[in-house]
Amino acid sequence: MMGVPQDPNLRGIIPNCFAHIFGCIEQNEEGKRFLVRCSYLEIYQEEVYDLLIDVKKNMAPQKLEIKENPDKGIYVKDL
């Protein structure tokens, strides 16, 4: 997912997504304000994990729950 962040040809999907999003923001008019929220999740063996948790800072990955709400639809709780 991360690839080699220092090499643009070998960067993964996460750094490329952020580069694209913030590149588009930089090209917009002065005075416009943006709020960027994002989440990346992994579903593996029927368990859902937040991929933006920094495991290098000793933050343990926590299992997340998929919920359904008539108004919101399907969503991941606490993500």
PDB file of N, CA and C in Angstrom:
ATOM      1  N   MET A   1       0.807  -1.189   0.000  1.00  0.00           N
ATOM      2  CA  MET A   1       0.000   0.000   0.000  1.00  0.00           C
ATOM      3  C   MET A   1       0.859   1.266   0.000  1.00  0.00           C
ATOM      4  N   MET A   2       1.968   1.238   0.719  1.00  0.00           N
ATOM      5  CA  MET A   2       2.813   2.432   0.813  1.00  0.00           C
ATOM      6  C   MET A   2       3.862   2.469  -0.296  1.00  0.00           C
ATOM      7  N   GLY A   3       4.363   1.303  -0.723  1.00  0.00           N
ATOM      8  CA  GLY A   3       5.414   1.281  -1.720  1.00  0.00           C
ATOM      9  C   GLY A   3       6.685   1.909  -1.173  1.00  0.00           C
ATOM     10  N   VAL A   4       7.414   2.584  -2.061  1.00  0.00           N
ATOM     11  CA  VAL A   4       8.633   3.312  -1.674  1.00  0.00           C
ATOM     12  C   VAL A   4       8.314   4.799  -1.805  1.00  0.00           C
ATOM     13  N   PRO A   5       7.938   5.459  -0.686  1.00  0.00           N
ATOM     14  CA  PRO A   5       7.454   6.850  -0.767  1.00  0.00           C
ATOM     15  C   PRO A   5       8.432   7.842  -1.401  1.00  0.00           C
ATOM     16  N   GLN A   6       9.749   7.584  -1.315  1.00  0.00           N
ATOM     17  CA  GLN A   6      10.732   8.527  -1.847  1.00  0.00           C
ATOM     18  C   GLN A   6      10.832   8.461  -3.377  1.00  0.00           C
ATOM     19  N   ASP A   7      10.401   7.355  -3.994  1.00  0.00           N
ATOM     20  CA  ASP A   7      10.508   7.178  -5.445  1.00  0.00           C
ATOM     21  C   ASP A   7       9.112   7.285  -6.060  1.00  0.00           C
ATOM     22  N   PRO A   8       8.839   8.350  -6.835  1.00  0.00           N
ATOM     23  CA  PRO A   8       7.503   8.522  -7.408  1.00  0.00           C
ATOM     24  C   PRO A   8       7.043   7.340  -8.267  1.00  0.00           C
ATOM     25  N   ASN A   9       7.990   6.638  -8.895  1.00  0.00           N
ATOM     26  CA  ASN A   9       7.624   5.492  -9.727  1.00  0.00           C
ATOM     27  C   ASN A   9       7.257   4.261  -8.909  1.00  0.00           C
ATOM     28  N   LEU A  10       7.678   4.219  -7.649  1.00  0.00           N
ATOM     29  CA  LEU A  10       7.434   3.046  -6.812  1.00  0.00           C
ATOM     30  C   LEU A  10       6.509   3.331  -5.633  1.00  0.00           C
ATOM     31  N   ARG A  11       5.950   4.548  -5.589  1.00  0.00           N
ATOM     32  CA  ARG A  11       5.033   4.873  -4.497  1.00  0.00           C
ATOM     33  C   ARG A  11       3.786   4.006  -4.578  1.00  0.00           C
ATOM     34  N   GLY A  12       3.223   3.712  -3.450  1.00  0.00           N
ATOM     35  CA  GLY A  12       2.008   2.910  -3.397  1.00  0.00           C
ATOM     36  C   GLY A  12       0.762   3.762  -3.556  1.00  0.00           C
ATOM     37  N   ILE A  13      -0.380   3.122  -3.390  1.00  0.00           N
ATOM     38  CA  ILE A  13      -1.662   3.794  -3.624  1.00  0.00           C
ATOM     39  C   ILE A  13      -1.939   4.900  -2.598  1.00  0.00           C
ATOM     40  N   ILE A  14      -1.542   4.695  -1.350  1.00  0.00           N
ATOM     41  CA  ILE A  14      -1.824   5.714  -0.328  1.00  0.00           C
ATOM     42  C   ILE A  14      -1.046   7.001  -0.592  1.00  0.00           C
ATOM     43  N   PRO A  15       0.290   6.963  -0.770  1.00  0.00           N
ATOM     44  CA  PRO A  15       0.994   8.216  -1.072  1.00  0.00           C
ATOM     45  C   PRO A  15       0.551   8.849  -2.391  1.00  0.00           C
ATOM     46  N   ASN A  16       0.228   8.023  -3.397  1.00  0.00           N
ATOM     47  CA  ASN A  16      -0.234   8.579  -4.671  1.00  0.00           C
ATOM     48  C   ASN A  16      -1.585   9.268  -4.527  1.00  0.00           C
ATOM     49  N   CYS A  17      -2.470   8.699  -3.736  1.00  0.00           N
ATOM     50  CA  CYS A  17      -3.775   9.335  -3.507  1.00  0.00           C
ATOM     51  C   CYS A  17      -3.611  10.687  -2.835  1.00  0.00           C
ATOM     52  N   PHE A  18      -2.789  10.729  -1.790  1.00  0.00           N
ATOM     53  CA  PHE A  18      -2.581  11.996  -1.092  1.00  0.00           C
ATOM     54  C   PHE A  18      -1.905  13.022  -2.000  1.00  0.00           C
ATOM     55  N   ALA A  19      -0.943  12.597  -2.798  1.00  0.00           N
ATOM     56  CA  ALA A  19      -0.283  13.519  -3.732  1.00  0.00           C
ATOM     57  C   ALA A  19      -1.295  14.074  -4.729  1.00  0.00           C
ATOM     58  N   HIS A  20      -2.178  13.249  -5.222  1.00  0.00           N
ATOM     59  CA  HIS A  20      -3.194  13.696  -6.179  1.00  0.00           C
ATOM     60  C   HIS A  20      -4.175  14.668  -5.527  1.00  0.00           C
ATOM     61  N   ILE A  21      -4.685  14.314  -4.370  1.00  0.00           N
ATOM     62  CA  ILE A  21      -5.663  15.166  -3.679  1.00  0.00           C
ATOM     63  C   ILE A  21      -5.075  16.537  -3.386  1.00  0.00           C
ATOM     64  N   PHE A  22      -3.886  16.564  -2.762  1.00  0.00           N
ATOM     65  CA  PHE A  22      -3.307  17.845  -2.389  1.00  0.00           C
ATOM     66  C   PHE A  22      -2.750  18.598  -3.587  1.00  0.00           C
ATOM     67  N   GLY A  23      -2.385  17.898  -4.654  1.00  0.00           N
ATOM     68  CA  GLY A  23      -1.992  18.563  -5.896  1.00  0.00           C
ATOM     69  C   GLY A  23      -3.160  19.312  -6.510  1.00  0.00           C
ATOM     70  N   CYS A  24      -4.346  18.690  -6.499  1.00  0.00           N
ATOM     71  CA  CYS A  24      -5.551  19.362  -7.010  1.00  0.00           C
ATOM     72  C   CYS A  24      -5.907  20.576  -6.163  1.00  0.00           C
ATOM     73  N   ILE A  25      -5.749  20.458  -4.861  1.00  0.00           N
ATOM     74  CA  ILE A  25      -6.045  21.588  -3.975  1.00  0.00           C
ATOM     75  C   ILE A  25      -5.101  22.753  -4.255  1.00  0.00           C
ATOM     76  N   GLU A  26      -3.824  22.457  -4.470  1.00  0.00           N
ATOM     77  CA  GLU A  26      -2.846  23.521  -4.745  1.00  0.00           C
ATOM     78  C   GLU A  26      -3.165  24.279  -6.026  1.00  0.00           C
ATOM     79  N   GLN A  27      -3.806  23.639  -6.988  1.00  0.00           N
ATOM     80  CA  GLN A  27      -4.105  24.274  -8.275  1.00  0.00           C
ATOM     81  C   GLN A  27      -5.353  25.141  -8.235  1.00  0.00           C
ATOM     82  N   ASN A  28      -6.078  25.143  -7.147  1.00  0.00           N
ATOM     83  CA  ASN A  28      -7.310  25.925  -7.053  1.00  0.00           C
ATOM     84  C   ASN A  28      -7.028  27.373  -6.694  1.00  0.00           C
ATOM     85  N   GLU A  29      -8.080  28.175  -6.810  1.00  0.00           N
ATOM     86  CA  GLU A  29      -7.984  29.611  -6.571  1.00  0.00           C
ATOM     87  C   GLU A  29      -7.566  29.931  -5.137  1.00  0.00           C
ATOM     88  N   GLU A  30      -6.915  31.064  -5.006  1.00  0.00           N
ATOM     89  CA  GLU A  30      -6.588  31.569  -3.673  1.00  0.00           C
ATOM     90  C   GLU A  30      -7.878  31.892  -2.944  1.00  0.00           C
ATOM     91  N   GLY A  31      -7.888  31.707  -1.648  1.00  0.00           N
ATOM     92  CA  GLY A  31      -9.049  32.054  -0.858  1.00  0.00           C
ATOM     93  C   GLY A  31     -10.031  30.904  -0.665  1.00  0.00           C
ATOM     94  N   LYS A  32      -9.933  29.873  -1.487  1.00  0.00           N
ATOM     95  CA  LYS A  32     -10.796  28.712  -1.275  1.00  0.00           C
ATOM     96  C   LYS A  32     -10.245  27.898  -0.127  1.00  0.00           C
ATOM     97  N   ARG A  33     -11.158  27.347   0.660  1.00  0.00           N
ATOM     98  CA  ARG A  33     -10.746  26.516   1.787  1.00  0.00           C
ATOM     99  C   ARG A  33     -11.231  25.093   1.550  1.00  0.00           C
ATOM    100  N   PHE A  34     -10.441  24.143   1.997  1.00  0.00           N
ATOM    101  CA  PHE A  34     -10.781  22.734   1.813  1.00  0.00           C
ATOM    102  C   PHE A  34     -10.688  22.010   3.142  1.00  0.00           C
ATOM    103  N   LEU A  35     -11.537  21.032   3.302  1.00  0.00           N
ATOM    104  CA  LEU A  35     -11.472  20.122   4.436  1.00  0.00           C
ATOM    105  C   LEU A  35     -11.331  18.724   3.850  1.00  0.00           C
ATOM    106  N   VAL A  36     -10.235  18.062   4.169  1.00  0.00           N
ATOM    107  CA  VAL A  36      -9.970  16.736   3.624  1.00  0.00           C
ATOM    108  C   VAL A  36     -10.099  15.714   4.745  1.00  0.00           C
ATOM    109  N   ARG A  37     -10.955  14.749   4.518  1.00  0.00           N
ATOM    110  CA  ARG A  37     -11.091  13.622   5.447  1.00  0.00           C
ATOM    111  C   ARG A  37     -10.963  12.357   4.622  1.00  0.00           C
ATOM    112  N   CYS A  38     -10.231  11.425   5.126  1.00  0.00           N
ATOM    113  CA  CYS A  38     -10.099  10.175   4.382  1.00  0.00           C
ATOM    114  C   CYS A  38      -9.914   9.017   5.347  1.00  0.00           C
ATOM    115  N   SER A  39     -10.180   7.854   4.847  1.00  0.00           N
ATOM    116  CA  SER A  39      -9.942   6.637   5.614  1.00  0.00           C
ATOM    117  C   SER A  39      -9.579   5.540   4.632  1.00  0.00           C
ATOM    118  N   TYR A  40      -8.754   4.645   5.065  1.00  0.00           N
ATOM    119  CA  TYR A  40      -8.395   3.462   4.293  1.00  0.00           C
ATOM    120  C   TYR A  40      -8.631   2.273   5.190  1.00  0.00           C
ATOM    121  N   LEU A  41      -9.346   1.311   4.657  1.00  0.00           N
ATOM    122  CA  LEU A  41      -9.614   0.145   5.477  1.00  0.00           C
ATOM    123  C   LEU A  41      -9.231  -1.114   4.725  1.00  0.00           C
ATOM    124  N   GLU A  42      -9.041  -2.158   5.481  1.00  0.00           N
ATOM    125  CA  GLU A  42      -8.717  -3.463   4.931  1.00  0.00           C
ATOM    126  C   GLU A  42      -9.742  -4.453   5.473  1.00  0.00           C
ATOM    127  N   ILE A  43     -10.273  -5.266   4.602  1.00  0.00           N
ATOM    128  CA  ILE A  43     -11.132  -6.370   5.031  1.00  0.00           C
ATOM    129  C   ILE A  43     -10.364  -7.644   4.707  1.00  0.00           C
ATOM    130  N   TYR A  44     -10.000  -8.362   5.751  1.00  0.00           N
ATOM    131  CA  TYR A  44      -9.203  -9.581   5.591  1.00  0.00           C
ATOM    132  C   TYR A  44      -9.769 -10.637   6.519  1.00  0.00           C
ATOM    133  N   GLN A  45     -10.112 -11.776   5.965  1.00  0.00           N
ATOM    134  CA  GLN A  45     -10.700 -12.872   6.718  1.00  0.00           C
ATOM    135  C   GLN A  45     -11.862 -12.394   7.585  1.00  0.00           C
ATOM    136  N   GLU A  46     -12.751 -11.629   6.963  1.00  0.00           N
ATOM    137  CA  GLU A  46     -13.970 -11.125   7.587  1.00  0.00           C
ATOM    138  C   GLU A  46     -13.726 -10.172   8.761  1.00  0.00           C
ATOM    139  N   GLU A  47     -12.540  -9.616   8.853  1.00  0.00           N
ATOM    140  CA  GLU A  47     -12.235  -8.619   9.877  1.00  0.00           C
ATOM    141  C   GLU A  47     -11.831  -7.323   9.182  1.00  0.00           C
ATOM    142  N   VAL A  48     -12.250  -6.195   9.752  1.00  0.00           N
ATOM    143  CA  VAL A  48     -12.017  -4.882   9.154  1.00  0.00           C
ATOM    144  C   VAL A  48     -11.005  -4.127  10.013  1.00  0.00           C
ATOM    145  N   TYR A  49      -9.989  -3.542   9.354  1.00  0.00           N
ATOM    146  CA  TYR A  49      -8.931  -2.799  10.054  1.00  0.00           C
ATOM    147  C   TYR A  49      -8.723  -1.441   9.405  1.00  0.00           C
ATOM    148  N   ASP A  50      -8.356  -0.454  10.206  1.00  0.00           N
ATOM    149  CA  ASP A  50      -8.009   0.886   9.746  1.00  0.00           C
ATOM    150  C   ASP A  50      -6.546   0.859   9.303  1.00  0.00           C
ATOM    151  N   LEU A  51      -6.280   1.153   8.033  1.00  0.00           N
ATOM    152  CA  LEU A  51      -4.908   1.118   7.522  1.00  0.00           C
ATOM    153  C   LEU A  51      -4.117   2.382   7.827  1.00  0.00           C
ATOM    154  N   LEU A  52      -4.760   3.410   8.371  1.00  0.00           N
ATOM    155  CA  LEU A  52      -4.036   4.639   8.692  1.00  0.00           C
ATOM    156  C   LEU A  52      -3.549   4.687  10.138  1.00  0.00           C
ATOM    157  N   ILE A  53      -3.768   3.636  10.902  1.00  0.00           N
ATOM    158  CA  ILE A  53      -3.206   3.545  12.260  1.00  0.00           C
ATOM    159  C   ILE A  53      -1.700   3.380  12.105  1.00  0.00           C
ATOM    160  N   ASP A  54      -0.939   4.168  12.799  1.00  0.00           N
ATOM    161  CA  ASP A  54       0.519   4.101  12.706  1.00  0.00           C
ATOM    162  C   ASP A  54       1.047   3.032  13.662  1.00  0.00           C
ATOM    163  N   VAL A  55       1.333   1.845  13.141  1.00  0.00           N
ATOM    164  CA  VAL A  55       1.812   0.756  13.993  1.00  0.00           C
ATOM    165  C   VAL A  55       3.228   1.027  14.511  1.00  0.00           C
ATOM    166  N   LYS A  56       3.956   1.945  13.866  1.00  0.00           N
ATOM    167  CA  LYS A  56       5.297   2.293  14.337  1.00  0.00           C
ATOM    168  C   LYS A  56       5.246   3.058  15.655  1.00  0.00           C
ATOM    169  N   LYS A  57       4.100   3.683  15.950  1.00  0.00           N
ATOM    170  CA  LYS A  57       3.943   4.426  17.202  1.00  0.00           C
ATOM    171  C   LYS A  57       3.250   3.568  18.259  1.00  0.00           C
ATOM    172  N   ASN A  58       3.394   2.250  18.109  1.00  0.00           N
ATOM    173  CA  ASN A  58       2.845   1.279  19.064  1.00  0.00           C
ATOM    174  C   ASN A  58       1.332   1.372  19.213  1.00  0.00           C
ATOM    175  N   MET A  59       0.657   1.791  18.168  1.00  0.00           N
ATOM    176  CA  MET A  59      -0.805   1.801  18.190  1.00  0.00           C
ATOM    177  C   MET A  59      -1.265   0.462  17.625  1.00  0.00           C
ATOM    178  N   ALA A  60      -1.918  -0.318  18.434  1.00  0.00           N
ATOM    179  CA  ALA A  60      -2.363  -1.636  18.001  1.00  0.00           C
ATOM    180  C   ALA A  60      -3.552  -1.503  17.055  1.00  0.00           C
ATOM    181  N   PRO A  61      -3.525  -2.254  15.948  1.00  0.00           N
ATOM    182  CA  PRO A  61      -4.696  -2.215  15.071  1.00  0.00           C
ATOM    183  C   PRO A  61      -5.919  -2.766  15.791  1.00  0.00           C
ATOM    184  N   GLN A  62      -7.034  -2.093  15.652  1.00  0.00           N
ATOM    185  CA  GLN A  62      -8.239  -2.561  16.313  1.00  0.00           C
ATOM    186  C   GLN A  62      -9.229  -3.034  15.261  1.00  0.00           C
ATOM    187  N   LYS A  63      -9.971  -4.056  15.595  1.00  0.00           N
ATOM    188  CA  LYS A  63     -10.990  -4.558  14.687  1.00  0.00           C
ATOM    189  C   LYS A  63     -12.152  -3.581  14.673  1.00  0.00           C
ATOM    190  N   LEU A  64     -12.648  -3.280  13.490  1.00  0.00           N
ATOM    191  CA  LEU A  64     -13.759  -2.358  13.330  1.00  0.00           C
ATOM    192  C   LEU A  64     -15.016  -3.140  12.938  1.00  0.00           C
ATOM    193  N   GLU A  65     -16.166  -2.524  13.161  1.00  0.00           N
ATOM    194  CA  GLU A  65     -17.438  -3.184  12.881  1.00  0.00           C
ATOM    195  C   GLU A  65     -18.130  -2.541  11.685  1.00  0.00           C
ATOM    196  N   ILE A  66     -18.704  -3.372  10.825  1.00  0.00           N
ATOM    197  CA  ILE A  66     -19.534  -2.888   9.732  1.00  0.00           C
ATOM    198  C   ILE A  66     -20.968  -2.824  10.242  1.00  0.00           C
ATOM    199  N   LYS A  67     -21.598  -1.677  10.036  1.00  0.00           N
ATOM    200  CA  LYS A  67     -22.963  -1.452  10.514  1.00  0.00           C
ATOM    201  C   LYS A  67     -23.851  -1.065   9.335  1.00  0.00           C
ATOM    202  N   GLU A  68     -25.147  -1.160   9.556  1.00  0.00           N
ATOM    203  CA  GLU A  68     -26.108  -0.706   8.555  1.00  0.00           C
ATOM    204  C   GLU A  68     -27.143   0.173   9.233  1.00  0.00           C
ATOM    205  N   ASN A  69     -27.438   1.302   8.593  1.00  0.00           N
ATOM    206  CA  ASN A  69     -28.388   2.261   9.112  1.00  0.00           C
ATOM    207  C   ASN A  69     -29.328   2.654   7.972  1.00  0.00           C
ATOM    208  N   PRO A  70     -30.641   2.704   8.217  1.00  0.00           N
ATOM    209  CA  PRO A  70     -31.570   3.059   7.134  1.00  0.00           C
ATOM    210  C   PRO A  70     -31.280   4.424   6.505  1.00  0.00           C
ATOM    211  N   ASP A  71     -30.754   5.360   7.289  1.00  0.00           N
ATOM    212  CA  ASP A  71     -30.462   6.702   6.763  1.00  0.00           C
ATOM    213  C   ASP A  71     -29.080   6.791   6.118  1.00  0.00           C
ATOM    214  N   LYS A  72     -28.075   6.212   6.771  1.00  0.00           N
ATOM    215  CA  LYS A  72     -26.682   6.295   6.293  1.00  0.00           C
ATOM    216  C   LYS A  72     -26.331   5.208   5.287  1.00  0.00           C
ATOM    217  N   GLY A  73     -27.014   4.084   5.358  1.00  0.00           N
ATOM    218  CA  GLY A  73     -26.620   2.938   4.560  1.00  0.00           C
ATOM    219  C   GLY A  73     -25.593   2.113   5.317  1.00  0.00           C
ATOM    220  N   ILE A  74     -24.718   1.445   4.596  1.00  0.00           N
ATOM    221  CA  ILE A  74     -23.679   0.625   5.221  1.00  0.00           C
ATOM    222  C   ILE A  74     -22.465   1.500   5.515  1.00  0.00           C
ATOM    223  N   TYR A  75     -21.911   1.364   6.714  1.00  0.00           N
ATOM    224  CA  TYR A  75     -20.750   2.163   7.103  1.00  0.00           C
ATOM    225  C   TYR A  75     -19.896   1.368   8.098  1.00  0.00           C
ATOM    226  N   VAL A  76     -18.685   1.847   8.333  1.00  0.00           N
ATOM    227  CA  VAL A  76     -17.785   1.231   9.297  1.00  0.00           C
ATOM    228  C   VAL A  76     -17.758   2.100  10.545  1.00  0.00           C
ATOM    229  N   LYS A  77     -18.158   1.517  11.659  1.00  0.00           N
ATOM    230  CA  LYS A  77     -18.205   2.242  12.933  1.00  0.00           C
ATOM    231  C   LYS A  77     -16.790   2.658  13.362  1.00  0.00           C
ATOM    232  N   ASP A  78     -16.649   3.883  13.866  1.00  0.00           N
ATOM    233  CA  ASP A  78     -15.390   4.445  14.377  1.00  0.00           C
ATOM    234  C   ASP A  78     -14.342   4.648  13.295  1.00  0.00           C
ATOM    235  N   LEU A  79     -14.757   4.791  12.055  1.00  0.00           N
ATOM    236  CA  LEU A  79     -13.775   5.053  10.998  1.00  0.00           C
ATOM    237  C   LEU A  79     -14.069   6.399  10.392  1.00  0.00           C
TER     238      LEU A  79
END
